[in-house]
Amino acid sequence: MSEFENGMDIDGLDEIEIANTAIDDLESENINLIFLGIDCSASMTQWEQDMKNSLKEFKTALADSKEADEILVARADFSDTISVGGYKKISEFDIGFVTGGCTAMYDTIVEGADKLKEYRKFLRDQGVRVKAVFAIFSDGLDNQSVNNFSRAKQTIDFLNNEEITTAFISFGGQATQEANNLGIRNILDVASSASELRRAFDCLSKSVIESSKSVLADEDDFFKV
């Protein structure tokens, strides 16, 4: 008997389904949850138009794939504050990108992981088979979060132990070192060019699709497609 069948507050169930995709709207019993934490701080301004183009191409690639019905994507933008969205079908994915402010990456990792764990448990309690990818895009170090490095690292360690694929697309050496220090298992460096950014998003979309086809999570070779 699931936690929900065993007397969980129906209001809690309603809140999860409202924030994310409801069970009745799922088109498969195998679901791949994709979390994308996107740095929208002022230092990312140079990437603004290229990010918009790449996000559009990423959405199109997933929407056109045979695995589209099995993929739900949550987007979390972070700068001075963070905004963690729910897990929605790729057709609902927001491709906008506006920059400004500082970098609250640790808060995004902690709060994003909490929402991923909550929705993953909800789906599993309903008999859905779930895999997950937790990806961060950033060009630098955190300078705004309430949560500290230690808490963020503990969160990444938990995700790794739970066989959730952790990934990081880095826009520079500082960010790459930070991703390594956090224990993120899959890191893809982006050189300072639009073509490299498009290549990174192309690799990400192919990796998501390939991950959706497999039974097991691609914990340590996510970007090898």
N, C-alpha and C. Protein backbone atom coordinates (compact mmCIF):
# COMPACT_ATOMS: atom_id res chain seq x y z
N MET A 1 0.85 -1.20 0.00
CA MET A 1 0.00 0.00 0.00
C MET A 1 0.88 1.24 0.00
N SER A 2 0.59 2.20 -0.86
CA SER A 2 1.42 3.40 -0.94
C SER A 2 1.13 4.33 0.22
N GLU A 3 2.04 5.30 0.40
CA GLU A 3 1.86 6.29 1.45
C GLU A 3 0.57 7.05 1.25
N PHE A 4 0.20 7.27 -0.03
CA PHE A 4 -1.01 8.04 -0.30
C PHE A 4 -2.25 7.22 0.03
N GLU A 5 -2.20 5.92 -0.25
CA GLU A 5 -3.33 5.06 0.06
C GLU A 5 -3.47 4.83 1.56
N ASN A 6 -2.38 5.09 2.28
CA ASN A 6 -2.37 4.82 3.71
C ASN A 6 -2.66 6.07 4.53
N GLY A 7 -3.42 6.99 3.93
CA GLY A 7 -3.91 8.10 4.72
C GLY A 7 -3.14 9.39 4.61
N MET A 8 -2.30 9.54 3.56
CA MET A 8 -1.62 10.81 3.39
C MET A 8 -2.63 11.90 3.12
N ASP A 9 -2.37 13.09 3.65
CA ASP A 9 -3.26 14.25 3.46
C ASP A 9 -3.50 14.47 1.98
N ILE A 10 -4.75 14.45 1.56
CA ILE A 10 -5.08 14.61 0.15
C ILE A 10 -4.64 15.97 -0.36
N ASP A 11 -4.58 16.98 0.52
CA ASP A 11 -4.11 18.30 0.09
C ASP A 11 -2.67 18.22 -0.40
N GLY A 12 -1.85 17.44 0.28
CA GLY A 12 -0.46 17.28 -0.15
C GLY A 12 -0.38 16.64 -1.52
N LEU A 13 -1.21 15.64 -1.76
CA LEU A 13 -1.26 14.98 -3.06
C LEU A 13 -1.68 15.98 -4.14
N ASP A 14 -2.70 16.75 -3.86
CA ASP A 14 -3.17 17.74 -4.83
C ASP A 14 -2.08 18.75 -5.17
N GLU A 15 -1.32 19.19 -4.17
CA GLU A 15 -0.28 20.18 -4.39
C GLU A 15 0.81 19.63 -5.31
N ILE A 16 1.19 18.39 -5.11
CA ILE A 16 2.22 17.78 -5.95
C ILE A 16 1.73 17.67 -7.39
N GLU A 17 0.49 17.26 -7.57
CA GLU A 17 -0.03 17.10 -8.94
C GLU A 17 -0.26 18.44 -9.62
N ILE A 18 -0.61 19.46 -8.87
CA ILE A 18 -0.79 20.79 -9.45
C ILE A 18 0.55 21.37 -9.88
N ALA A 19 1.58 21.19 -9.05
CA ALA A 19 2.90 21.75 -9.34
C ALA A 19 3.59 21.01 -10.48
N ASN A 20 3.27 19.72 -10.63
CA ASN A 20 3.93 18.88 -11.63
C ASN A 20 2.88 18.31 -12.58
N THR A 21 3.26 17.29 -13.34
CA THR A 21 2.32 16.63 -14.23
C THR A 21 1.52 15.59 -13.45
N ALA A 22 0.21 15.65 -13.55
CA ALA A 22 -0.66 14.74 -12.81
C ALA A 22 -0.54 13.32 -13.37
N ILE A 23 -0.78 12.34 -12.51
CA ILE A 23 -0.69 10.94 -12.91
C ILE A 23 -1.57 10.65 -14.13
N ASP A 24 -2.78 11.18 -14.15
CA ASP A 24 -3.70 10.91 -15.25
C ASP A 24 -3.22 11.49 -16.58
N ASP A 25 -2.26 12.42 -16.53
CA ASP A 25 -1.76 13.04 -17.76
C ASP A 25 -0.49 12.37 -18.28
N LEU A 26 0.03 11.39 -17.54
CA LEU A 26 1.21 10.66 -18.01
C LEU A 26 0.82 9.70 -19.12
N GLU A 27 1.71 9.56 -20.11
CA GLU A 27 1.43 8.69 -21.25
C GLU A 27 2.30 7.44 -21.25
N SER A 28 3.04 7.22 -20.17
CA SER A 28 3.90 6.05 -20.07
C SER A 28 4.08 5.68 -18.60
N GLU A 29 4.36 4.40 -18.35
CA GLU A 29 4.68 3.96 -17.00
C GLU A 29 6.17 4.09 -16.70
N ASN A 30 6.94 4.50 -17.70
CA ASN A 30 8.38 4.76 -17.53
C ASN A 30 8.61 6.25 -17.74
N ILE A 31 9.08 6.92 -16.71
CA ILE A 31 9.25 8.36 -16.77
C ILE A 31 10.69 8.75 -16.45
N ASN A 32 11.20 9.68 -17.23
CA ASN A 32 12.53 10.24 -17.02
C ASN A 32 12.37 11.69 -16.61
N LEU A 33 12.78 12.00 -15.38
CA LEU A 33 12.70 13.35 -14.86
C LEU A 33 14.01 14.07 -15.15
N ILE A 34 13.93 15.23 -15.79
CA ILE A 34 15.12 16.01 -16.14
C ILE A 34 15.04 17.36 -15.43
N PHE A 35 15.97 17.59 -14.50
CA PHE A 35 16.05 18.88 -13.81
C PHE A 35 17.15 19.71 -14.46
N LEU A 36 16.81 20.95 -14.86
CA LEU A 36 17.79 21.87 -15.44
C LEU A 36 17.85 23.12 -14.58
N GLY A 37 18.97 23.30 -13.86
CA GLY A 37 19.21 24.52 -13.10
C GLY A 37 20.05 25.45 -13.94
N ILE A 38 19.51 26.62 -14.30
CA ILE A 38 20.15 27.50 -15.28
C ILE A 38 20.57 28.82 -14.63
N ASP A 39 21.86 29.11 -14.71
CA ASP A 39 22.43 30.35 -14.19
C ASP A 39 21.97 31.53 -15.05
N CYS A 40 21.22 32.44 -14.45
CA CYS A 40 20.75 33.64 -15.15
C CYS A 40 21.35 34.90 -14.55
N SER A 41 22.49 34.79 -13.87
CA SER A 41 23.14 35.93 -13.25
C SER A 41 23.72 36.87 -14.32
N ALA A 42 24.13 38.06 -13.89
CA ALA A 42 24.60 39.09 -14.83
C ALA A 42 25.79 38.65 -15.66
N SER A 43 26.64 37.80 -15.09
CA SER A 43 27.82 37.35 -15.82
C SER A 43 27.48 36.47 -17.02
N MET A 44 26.23 36.02 -17.11
CA MET A 44 25.79 35.19 -18.23
C MET A 44 25.19 36.02 -19.37
N THR A 45 25.24 37.36 -19.24
CA THR A 45 24.60 38.23 -20.23
C THR A 45 25.15 38.01 -21.63
N GLN A 46 26.45 37.76 -21.75
CA GLN A 46 27.05 37.55 -23.07
C GLN A 46 26.46 36.35 -23.81
N TRP A 47 25.83 35.43 -23.04
CA TRP A 47 25.28 34.22 -23.63
C TRP A 47 23.78 34.33 -23.92
N GLU A 48 23.19 35.51 -23.69
CA GLU A 48 21.73 35.61 -23.66
C GLU A 48 21.06 35.10 -24.94
N GLN A 49 21.42 35.63 -26.09
CA GLN A 49 20.76 35.20 -27.32
C GLN A 49 21.13 33.77 -27.69
N ASP A 50 22.38 33.42 -27.47
CA ASP A 50 22.81 32.05 -27.77
C ASP A 50 22.09 31.03 -26.88
N MET A 51 21.85 31.40 -25.62
CA MET A 51 21.11 30.52 -24.73
C MET A 51 19.67 30.35 -25.20
N LYS A 52 19.05 31.42 -25.62
CA LYS A 52 17.67 31.33 -26.13
C LYS A 52 17.61 30.38 -27.32
N ASN A 53 18.56 30.55 -28.24
CA ASN A 53 18.59 29.69 -29.43
C ASN A 53 18.82 28.23 -29.04
N SER A 54 19.74 28.01 -28.11
CA SER A 54 20.08 26.65 -27.71
C SER A 54 18.94 25.98 -26.95
N LEU A 55 18.26 26.74 -26.09
CA LEU A 55 17.11 26.20 -25.37
C LEU A 55 16.00 25.81 -26.34
N LYS A 56 15.81 26.61 -27.38
CA LYS A 56 14.80 26.30 -28.39
C LYS A 56 15.16 25.00 -29.11
N GLU A 57 16.43 24.85 -29.48
CA GLU A 57 16.88 23.64 -30.18
C GLU A 57 16.77 22.42 -29.26
N PHE A 58 17.09 22.61 -27.99
CA PHE A 58 16.98 21.52 -27.01
C PHE A 58 15.52 21.05 -26.91
N LYS A 59 14.60 22.00 -26.81
CA LYS A 59 13.18 21.66 -26.71
C LYS A 59 12.71 20.91 -27.95
N THR A 60 13.12 21.39 -29.12
CA THR A 60 12.70 20.76 -30.38
C THR A 60 13.23 19.33 -30.48
N ALA A 61 14.50 19.14 -30.10
CA ALA A 61 15.12 17.81 -30.18
C ALA A 61 14.37 16.81 -29.32
N LEU A 62 14.03 17.20 -28.07
CA LEU A 62 13.31 16.28 -27.19
C LEU A 62 11.88 16.06 -27.67
N ALA A 63 11.22 17.14 -28.11
CA ALA A 63 9.83 17.03 -28.54
C ALA A 63 9.70 16.14 -29.77
N ASP A 64 10.72 16.13 -30.63
CA ASP A 64 10.67 15.34 -31.86
C ASP A 64 11.13 13.89 -31.66
N SER A 65 11.62 13.57 -30.47
CA SER A 65 12.14 12.21 -30.24
C SER A 65 11.00 11.23 -29.95
N LYS A 66 11.28 9.95 -30.20
CA LYS A 66 10.30 8.91 -29.91
C LYS A 66 10.05 8.78 -28.42
N GLU A 67 11.01 9.26 -27.63
CA GLU A 67 10.92 9.14 -26.16
C GLU A 67 10.22 10.33 -25.51
N ALA A 68 9.69 11.25 -26.29
CA ALA A 68 9.12 12.50 -25.76
C ALA A 68 8.06 12.25 -24.68
N ASP A 69 7.24 11.21 -24.86
CA ASP A 69 6.16 10.93 -23.91
C ASP A 69 6.67 10.44 -22.56
N GLU A 70 7.95 10.07 -22.51
CA GLU A 70 8.51 9.54 -21.26
C GLU A 70 9.37 10.57 -20.54
N ILE A 71 9.46 11.78 -21.07
CA ILE A 71 10.35 12.80 -20.52
C ILE A 71 9.55 13.95 -19.92
N LEU A 72 9.86 14.27 -18.67
CA LEU A 72 9.30 15.45 -18.01
C LEU A 72 10.47 16.32 -17.56
N VAL A 73 10.36 17.62 -17.83
CA VAL A 73 11.47 18.54 -17.56
C VAL A 73 11.05 19.62 -16.57
N ALA A 74 11.91 19.87 -15.58
CA ALA A 74 11.72 20.98 -14.65
C ALA A 74 12.86 21.97 -14.87
N ARG A 75 12.53 23.25 -14.94
CA ARG A 75 13.55 24.29 -15.12
C ARG A 75 13.61 25.17 -13.88
N ALA A 76 14.83 25.43 -13.41
CA ALA A 76 15.04 26.31 -12.26
C ALA A 76 16.03 27.40 -12.67
N ASP A 77 15.56 28.64 -12.72
CA ASP A 77 16.44 29.77 -13.01
C ASP A 77 16.99 30.33 -11.71
N PHE A 78 18.29 30.66 -11.71
CA PHE A 78 18.84 31.25 -10.49
C PHE A 78 19.73 32.45 -10.78
N SER A 79 19.54 33.49 -9.97
CA SER A 79 20.38 34.69 -9.96
C SER A 79 20.39 35.18 -8.52
N ASP A 80 19.83 36.36 -8.23
CA ASP A 80 19.69 36.79 -6.84
C ASP A 80 18.74 35.87 -6.07
N THR A 81 17.72 35.43 -6.76
CA THR A 81 16.74 34.51 -6.19
C THR A 81 16.65 33.29 -7.11
N ILE A 82 15.88 32.31 -6.71
CA ILE A 82 15.71 31.13 -7.55
C ILE A 82 14.22 30.88 -7.79
N SER A 83 13.94 30.25 -8.93
CA SER A 83 12.57 29.88 -9.27
C SER A 83 12.59 28.46 -9.80
N VAL A 84 12.10 27.51 -8.98
CA VAL A 84 12.11 26.10 -9.35
C VAL A 84 10.74 25.71 -9.87
N GLY A 85 10.67 25.37 -11.16
CA GLY A 85 9.40 24.98 -11.76
C GLY A 85 9.09 23.51 -11.55
N GLY A 86 7.89 23.12 -11.91
CA GLY A 86 7.48 21.73 -11.78
C GLY A 86 7.89 20.89 -12.97
N TYR A 87 7.70 19.58 -12.86
CA TYR A 87 8.05 18.65 -13.94
C TYR A 87 6.90 18.58 -14.93
N LYS A 88 7.16 19.12 -16.13
CA LYS A 88 6.13 19.24 -17.15
C LYS A 88 6.58 18.58 -18.45
N LYS A 89 5.63 18.33 -19.32
CA LYS A 89 5.94 17.78 -20.63
C LYS A 89 6.80 18.77 -21.41
N ILE A 90 7.62 18.25 -22.31
CA ILE A 90 8.57 19.09 -23.03
C ILE A 90 7.86 20.17 -23.84
N SER A 91 6.62 19.93 -24.24
CA SER A 91 5.87 20.94 -24.99
C SER A 91 5.63 22.21 -24.18
N GLU A 92 5.71 22.10 -22.84
CA GLU A 92 5.49 23.24 -21.96
C GLU A 92 6.79 23.90 -21.52
N PHE A 93 7.93 23.44 -22.01
CA PHE A 93 9.23 23.94 -21.56
C PHE A 93 9.44 25.38 -22.01
N ASP A 94 9.84 26.24 -21.09
CA ASP A 94 10.08 27.66 -21.34
C ASP A 94 11.47 27.85 -21.94
N ILE A 95 11.57 28.53 -23.09
CA ILE A 95 12.86 28.73 -23.74
C ILE A 95 13.37 30.17 -23.58
N GLY A 96 12.74 30.96 -22.74
CA GLY A 96 13.21 32.31 -22.50
C GLY A 96 14.48 32.33 -21.66
N PHE A 97 15.21 33.45 -21.71
CA PHE A 97 16.44 33.58 -20.93
C PHE A 97 16.74 35.06 -20.71
N VAL A 98 16.65 35.50 -19.46
CA VAL A 98 16.91 36.90 -19.08
C VAL A 98 17.91 36.90 -17.94
N THR A 99 18.92 37.77 -18.02
CA THR A 99 20.00 37.76 -17.04
C THR A 99 19.98 38.99 -16.12
N GLY A 100 20.68 38.85 -14.98
CA GLY A 100 20.83 39.95 -14.04
C GLY A 100 21.01 39.44 -12.62
N GLY A 101 21.84 40.12 -11.83
CA GLY A 101 21.98 39.76 -10.43
C GLY A 101 23.13 38.82 -10.16
N CYS A 102 23.08 38.21 -8.97
CA CYS A 102 24.17 37.34 -8.48
C CYS A 102 23.87 35.86 -8.76
N THR A 103 24.53 34.95 -8.01
CA THR A 103 24.48 33.52 -8.35
C THR A 103 24.11 32.68 -7.12
N ALA A 104 22.85 32.29 -7.04
CA ALA A 104 22.38 31.46 -5.92
C ALA A 104 22.34 29.99 -6.34
N MET A 105 23.49 29.43 -6.66
CA MET A 105 23.54 28.06 -7.18
C MET A 105 23.30 27.02 -6.09
N TYR A 106 23.88 27.21 -4.89
CA TYR A 106 23.71 26.21 -3.84
C TYR A 106 22.24 26.05 -3.47
N ASP A 107 21.52 27.17 -3.37
CA ASP A 107 20.09 27.10 -3.06
C ASP A 107 19.34 26.33 -4.14
N THR A 108 19.74 26.52 -5.39
CA THR A 108 19.10 25.81 -6.50
C THR A 108 19.33 24.32 -6.40
N ILE A 109 20.55 23.93 -6.05
CA ILE A 109 20.87 22.50 -5.90
C ILE A 109 20.03 21.89 -4.78
N VAL A 110 19.99 22.55 -3.64
CA VAL A 110 19.28 22.00 -2.48
C VAL A 110 17.77 21.95 -2.72
N GLU A 111 17.20 23.08 -3.13
CA GLU A 111 15.75 23.12 -3.33
C GLU A 111 15.31 22.31 -4.54
N GLY A 112 16.14 22.32 -5.60
CA GLY A 112 15.82 21.52 -6.77
C GLY A 112 15.81 20.04 -6.46
N ALA A 113 16.80 19.60 -5.67
CA ALA A 113 16.86 18.19 -5.28
C ALA A 113 15.69 17.80 -4.40
N ASP A 114 15.28 18.69 -3.50
CA ASP A 114 14.13 18.40 -2.65
C ASP A 114 12.87 18.16 -3.48
N LYS A 115 12.65 19.01 -4.49
CA LYS A 115 11.46 18.86 -5.32
C LYS A 115 11.55 17.63 -6.21
N LEU A 116 12.75 17.32 -6.67
CA LEU A 116 12.94 16.10 -7.46
C LEU A 116 12.63 14.87 -6.62
N LYS A 117 13.17 14.82 -5.40
CA LYS A 117 12.93 13.67 -4.52
C LYS A 117 11.44 13.53 -4.21
N GLU A 118 10.77 14.65 -3.97
CA GLU A 118 9.36 14.62 -3.63
C GLU A 118 8.51 14.05 -4.79
N TYR A 119 8.76 14.54 -5.99
CA TYR A 119 7.96 14.10 -7.13
C TYR A 119 8.32 12.68 -7.55
N ARG A 120 9.61 12.34 -7.46
CA ARG A 120 10.02 10.97 -7.78
C ARG A 120 9.33 9.97 -6.85
N LYS A 121 9.28 10.28 -5.55
CA LYS A 121 8.61 9.40 -4.59
C LYS A 121 7.11 9.30 -4.90
N PHE A 122 6.51 10.43 -5.23
CA PHE A 122 5.09 10.43 -5.59
C PHE A 122 4.82 9.50 -6.77
N LEU A 123 5.64 9.61 -7.82
CA LEU A 123 5.44 8.75 -8.99
C LEU A 123 5.65 7.29 -8.64
N ARG A 124 6.71 7.00 -7.89
CA ARG A 124 6.98 5.60 -7.52
C ARG A 124 5.86 5.03 -6.68
N ASP A 125 5.29 5.82 -5.80
CA ASP A 125 4.18 5.35 -4.98
C ASP A 125 2.95 5.01 -5.82
N GLN A 126 2.88 5.58 -7.01
CA GLN A 126 1.77 5.29 -7.92
C GLN A 126 2.11 4.17 -8.91
N GLY A 127 3.29 3.53 -8.73
CA GLY A 127 3.66 2.41 -9.58
C GLY A 127 4.42 2.78 -10.84
N VAL A 128 4.87 4.04 -10.94
CA VAL A 128 5.60 4.49 -12.12
C VAL A 128 7.09 4.20 -11.93
N ARG A 129 7.73 3.70 -13.00
CA ARG A 129 9.18 3.48 -12.98
C ARG A 129 9.87 4.80 -13.34
N VAL A 130 10.81 5.23 -12.50
CA VAL A 130 11.38 6.57 -12.64
C VAL A 130 12.90 6.53 -12.69
N LYS A 131 13.47 7.26 -13.66
CA LYS A 131 14.88 7.59 -13.66
C LYS A 131 14.98 9.12 -13.64
N ALA A 132 16.14 9.64 -13.28
CA ALA A 132 16.26 11.10 -13.17
C ALA A 132 17.65 11.58 -13.54
N VAL A 133 17.69 12.79 -14.10
CA VAL A 133 18.92 13.51 -14.41
C VAL A 133 18.84 14.88 -13.74
N PHE A 134 19.91 15.26 -13.05
CA PHE A 134 19.97 16.53 -12.34
C PHE A 134 21.13 17.33 -12.94
N ALA A 135 20.83 18.35 -13.75
CA ALA A 135 21.86 19.09 -14.48
C ALA A 135 21.86 20.57 -14.11
N ILE A 136 23.08 21.12 -13.99
CA ILE A 136 23.27 22.53 -13.68
C ILE A 136 24.07 23.19 -14.81
N PHE A 137 23.68 24.43 -15.18
CA PHE A 137 24.43 25.25 -16.12
C PHE A 137 24.94 26.48 -15.37
N SER A 138 26.25 26.74 -15.38
CA SER A 138 26.75 27.92 -14.68
C SER A 138 28.14 28.31 -15.18
N ASP A 139 28.50 29.58 -14.94
CA ASP A 139 29.81 30.08 -15.37
C ASP A 139 30.71 30.48 -14.20
N GLY A 140 30.26 30.25 -12.96
CA GLY A 140 31.10 30.71 -11.86
C GLY A 140 30.71 30.17 -10.51
N LEU A 141 31.13 30.90 -9.48
CA LEU A 141 30.95 30.46 -8.10
C LEU A 141 29.71 31.09 -7.48
N ASP A 142 29.16 30.40 -6.51
CA ASP A 142 28.00 30.91 -5.77
C ASP A 142 28.40 32.13 -4.95
N ASN A 143 27.55 33.17 -4.98
CA ASN A 143 27.81 34.36 -4.16
C ASN A 143 26.52 34.93 -3.57
N GLN A 144 25.47 34.07 -3.46
CA GLN A 144 24.20 34.62 -3.02
C GLN A 144 23.37 33.68 -2.15
N SER A 145 23.69 32.41 -2.10
CA SER A 145 22.80 31.42 -1.48
C SER A 145 22.75 31.52 0.05
N VAL A 146 21.62 31.08 0.59
CA VAL A 146 21.47 30.88 2.02
C VAL A 146 22.18 29.58 2.42
N ASN A 147 22.03 28.55 1.59
CA ASN A 147 22.71 27.28 1.82
C ASN A 147 24.19 27.42 1.47
N ASN A 148 25.05 26.68 2.19
CA ASN A 148 26.49 26.79 1.95
C ASN A 148 26.99 25.64 1.07
N PHE A 149 28.29 25.67 0.77
CA PHE A 149 28.90 24.66 -0.08
C PHE A 149 28.71 23.26 0.50
N SER A 150 28.89 23.11 1.80
CA SER A 150 28.79 21.80 2.44
C SER A 150 27.41 21.19 2.23
N ARG A 151 26.37 22.00 2.39
CA ARG A 151 25.00 21.50 2.20
C ARG A 151 24.77 21.10 0.75
N ALA A 152 25.28 21.91 -0.17
CA ALA A 152 25.12 21.59 -1.59
C ALA A 152 25.85 20.30 -1.94
N LYS A 153 27.05 20.11 -1.39
CA LYS A 153 27.81 18.90 -1.67
C LYS A 153 27.12 17.67 -1.08
N GLN A 154 26.59 17.80 0.11
CA GLN A 154 25.83 16.70 0.70
C GLN A 154 24.65 16.32 -0.18
N THR A 155 24.02 17.32 -0.78
CA THR A 155 22.88 17.08 -1.67
C THR A 155 23.32 16.32 -2.91
N ILE A 156 24.43 16.75 -3.52
CA ILE A 156 24.94 16.05 -4.70
C ILE A 156 25.34 14.62 -4.34
N ASP A 157 25.97 14.44 -3.18
CA ASP A 157 26.34 13.09 -2.74
C ASP A 157 25.10 12.20 -2.61
N PHE A 158 24.03 12.77 -2.07
CA PHE A 158 22.78 12.02 -1.93
C PHE A 158 22.25 11.62 -3.31
N LEU A 159 22.23 12.55 -4.26
CA LEU A 159 21.73 12.25 -5.59
C LEU A 159 22.57 11.15 -6.25
N ASN A 160 23.90 11.25 -6.10
CA ASN A 160 24.78 10.22 -6.66
C ASN A 160 24.49 8.85 -6.04
N ASN A 161 24.31 8.83 -4.74
CA ASN A 161 24.03 7.57 -4.04
C ASN A 161 22.67 6.98 -4.43
N GLU A 162 21.75 7.85 -4.82
CA GLU A 162 20.42 7.42 -5.24
C GLU A 162 20.38 7.01 -6.71
N GLU A 163 21.55 6.98 -7.36
CA GLU A 163 21.66 6.64 -8.78
C GLU A 163 20.90 7.62 -9.67
N ILE A 164 20.86 8.87 -9.22
CA ILE A 164 20.36 9.96 -10.06
C ILE A 164 21.56 10.55 -10.78
N THR A 165 21.48 10.67 -12.10
CA THR A 165 22.59 11.18 -12.88
C THR A 165 22.81 12.66 -12.59
N THR A 166 24.00 13.03 -12.14
CA THR A 166 24.33 14.43 -11.90
C THR A 166 25.23 14.94 -13.02
N ALA A 167 24.90 16.11 -13.55
CA ALA A 167 25.61 16.65 -14.71
C ALA A 167 25.78 18.16 -14.57
N PHE A 168 26.82 18.68 -15.21
CA PHE A 168 27.12 20.12 -15.11
C PHE A 168 27.67 20.59 -16.46
N ILE A 169 27.05 21.63 -17.02
CA ILE A 169 27.60 22.28 -18.20
C ILE A 169 28.26 23.56 -17.74
N SER A 170 29.57 23.63 -17.93
CA SER A 170 30.41 24.69 -17.37
C SER A 170 30.76 25.73 -18.42
N PHE A 171 30.60 27.00 -18.05
CA PHE A 171 30.95 28.11 -18.93
C PHE A 171 32.28 28.74 -18.49
N GLY A 172 33.22 27.93 -18.06
CA GLY A 172 34.52 28.47 -17.66
C GLY A 172 35.19 27.65 -16.58
N GLY A 173 36.51 27.90 -16.41
CA GLY A 173 37.32 27.10 -15.49
C GLY A 173 36.87 27.15 -14.05
N GLN A 174 36.43 28.32 -13.58
CA GLN A 174 35.95 28.43 -12.20
C GLN A 174 34.79 27.49 -11.96
N ALA A 175 33.85 27.49 -12.89
CA ALA A 175 32.66 26.65 -12.73
C ALA A 175 33.02 25.17 -12.81
N THR A 176 33.97 24.83 -13.68
CA THR A 176 34.38 23.43 -13.80
C THR A 176 34.98 22.93 -12.49
N GLN A 177 35.83 23.75 -11.87
CA GLN A 177 36.43 23.36 -10.60
C GLN A 177 35.37 23.23 -9.51
N GLU A 178 34.41 24.15 -9.52
CA GLU A 178 33.33 24.09 -8.54
C GLU A 178 32.51 22.81 -8.70
N ALA A 179 32.23 22.45 -9.94
CA ALA A 179 31.47 21.22 -10.20
C ALA A 179 32.23 20.00 -9.71
N ASN A 180 33.53 19.98 -9.95
CA ASN A 180 34.37 18.88 -9.45
C ASN A 180 34.34 18.82 -7.94
N ASN A 181 34.48 19.98 -7.29
CA ASN A 181 34.48 20.04 -5.83
C ASN A 181 33.16 19.57 -5.23
N LEU A 182 32.07 19.85 -5.94
CA LEU A 182 30.75 19.44 -5.46
C LEU A 182 30.52 17.93 -5.62
N GLY A 183 31.32 17.28 -6.44
CA GLY A 183 31.17 15.86 -6.65
C GLY A 183 30.25 15.49 -7.80
N ILE A 184 29.96 16.45 -8.67
CA ILE A 184 29.11 16.17 -9.82
C ILE A 184 29.87 15.24 -10.78
N ARG A 185 29.21 14.19 -11.22
CA ARG A 185 29.92 13.10 -11.91
C ARG A 185 30.14 13.32 -13.40
N ASN A 186 29.30 14.12 -14.04
CA ASN A 186 29.42 14.34 -15.48
C ASN A 186 29.55 15.83 -15.75
N ILE A 187 30.69 16.25 -16.29
CA ILE A 187 30.97 17.67 -16.50
C ILE A 187 31.32 17.89 -17.96
N LEU A 188 30.66 18.87 -18.58
CA LEU A 188 30.91 19.21 -19.97
C LEU A 188 31.32 20.68 -20.04
N ASP A 189 32.53 20.95 -20.52
CA ASP A 189 33.04 22.31 -20.63
C ASP A 189 32.58 22.95 -21.93
N VAL A 190 32.20 24.23 -21.83
CA VAL A 190 31.80 25.00 -23.00
C VAL A 190 32.84 26.10 -23.22
N ALA A 191 33.50 26.11 -24.38
CA ALA A 191 34.41 27.20 -24.70
C ALA A 191 33.59 28.47 -25.00
N SER A 192 34.27 29.60 -25.06
CA SER A 192 33.57 30.88 -25.21
C SER A 192 33.13 31.11 -26.65
N SER A 193 32.19 30.30 -27.11
CA SER A 193 31.67 30.49 -28.46
C SER A 193 30.26 29.94 -28.55
N ALA A 194 29.48 30.51 -29.46
CA ALA A 194 28.10 30.06 -29.65
C ALA A 194 28.07 28.63 -30.16
N SER A 195 29.03 28.27 -31.00
CA SER A 195 29.04 26.92 -31.58
C SER A 195 29.27 25.88 -30.49
N GLU A 196 30.14 26.19 -29.53
CA GLU A 196 30.39 25.27 -28.43
C GLU A 196 29.16 25.12 -27.54
N LEU A 197 28.44 26.23 -27.34
CA LEU A 197 27.21 26.17 -26.54
C LEU A 197 26.17 25.30 -27.25
N ARG A 198 26.03 25.46 -28.55
CA ARG A 198 25.09 24.63 -29.31
C ARG A 198 25.51 23.16 -29.23
N ARG A 199 26.81 22.92 -29.31
CA ARG A 199 27.31 21.55 -29.20
C ARG A 199 26.96 20.95 -27.85
N ALA A 200 27.09 21.76 -26.79
CA ALA A 200 26.79 21.28 -25.44
C ALA A 200 25.31 20.92 -25.31
N PHE A 201 24.43 21.77 -25.82
CA PHE A 201 23.00 21.47 -25.74
C PHE A 201 22.62 20.30 -26.62
N ASP A 202 23.28 20.17 -27.77
CA ASP A 202 23.05 19.02 -28.63
C ASP A 202 23.45 17.74 -27.91
N CYS A 203 24.59 17.79 -27.23
CA CYS A 203 25.05 16.64 -26.45
C CYS A 203 24.08 16.34 -25.31
N LEU A 204 23.58 17.38 -24.66
CA LEU A 204 22.64 17.19 -23.56
C LEU A 204 21.35 16.53 -24.05
N SER A 205 20.80 17.03 -25.15
CA SER A 205 19.54 16.46 -25.65
C SER A 205 19.73 15.01 -26.07
N LYS A 206 20.85 14.70 -26.75
CA LYS A 206 21.12 13.31 -27.15
C LYS A 206 21.31 12.42 -25.93
N SER A 207 21.98 12.97 -24.90
CA SER A 207 22.20 12.19 -23.69
C SER A 207 20.90 11.88 -22.97
N VAL A 208 20.00 12.87 -22.92
CA VAL A 208 18.69 12.67 -22.29
C VAL A 208 17.91 11.59 -23.04
N ILE A 209 17.92 11.66 -24.37
CA ILE A 209 17.19 10.68 -25.17
C ILE A 209 17.77 9.29 -25.00
N GLU A 210 19.10 9.17 -25.03
CA GLU A 210 19.74 7.87 -24.85
C GLU A 210 19.48 7.31 -23.45
N SER A 211 19.50 8.21 -22.45
CA SER A 211 19.21 7.79 -21.09
C SER A 211 17.78 7.25 -20.98
N SER A 212 16.86 7.87 -21.72
CA SER A 212 15.47 7.43 -21.69
C SER A 212 15.31 6.04 -22.28
N LYS A 213 16.17 5.65 -23.20
CA LYS A 213 16.08 4.35 -23.84
C LYS A 213 16.59 3.22 -22.95
N SER A 214 17.50 3.56 -22.03
CA SER A 214 18.15 2.52 -21.24
C SER A 214 17.38 2.21 -19.97
N VAL A 215 17.65 1.04 -19.43
CA VAL A 215 16.98 0.62 -18.20
C VAL A 215 17.63 1.24 -16.98
N LEU A 216 18.96 1.33 -17.00
CA LEU A 216 19.71 1.84 -15.85
C LEU A 216 20.14 3.28 -16.08
N ALA A 217 20.37 4.01 -14.99
CA ALA A 217 20.85 5.38 -15.08
C ALA A 217 22.29 5.42 -15.58
N ASP A 218 22.62 6.44 -16.38
CA ASP A 218 23.98 6.62 -16.88
C ASP A 218 24.74 7.50 -15.90
N GLU A 219 25.20 6.91 -14.81
CA GLU A 219 25.71 7.70 -13.72
C GLU A 219 27.02 8.40 -14.03
N ASP A 220 27.93 7.74 -14.75
CA ASP A 220 29.28 8.29 -14.92
C ASP A 220 29.66 8.53 -16.38
N ASP A 221 28.81 8.26 -17.31
CA ASP A 221 29.15 8.48 -18.72
C ASP A 221 27.98 9.11 -19.48
N PHE A 222 27.31 10.02 -18.83
CA PHE A 222 26.08 10.62 -19.37
C PHE A 222 26.34 11.33 -20.69
N PHE A 223 27.47 12.04 -20.81
CA PHE A 223 27.74 12.83 -22.01
C PHE A 223 28.44 12.04 -23.11
N LYS A 224 28.63 10.74 -22.92
CA LYS A 224 29.30 9.93 -23.94
C LYS A 224 28.28 9.34 -24.89
N VAL A 225 27.86 10.17 -25.86
CA VAL A 225 26.89 9.73 -26.86
C VAL A 225 27.47 9.89 -28.26
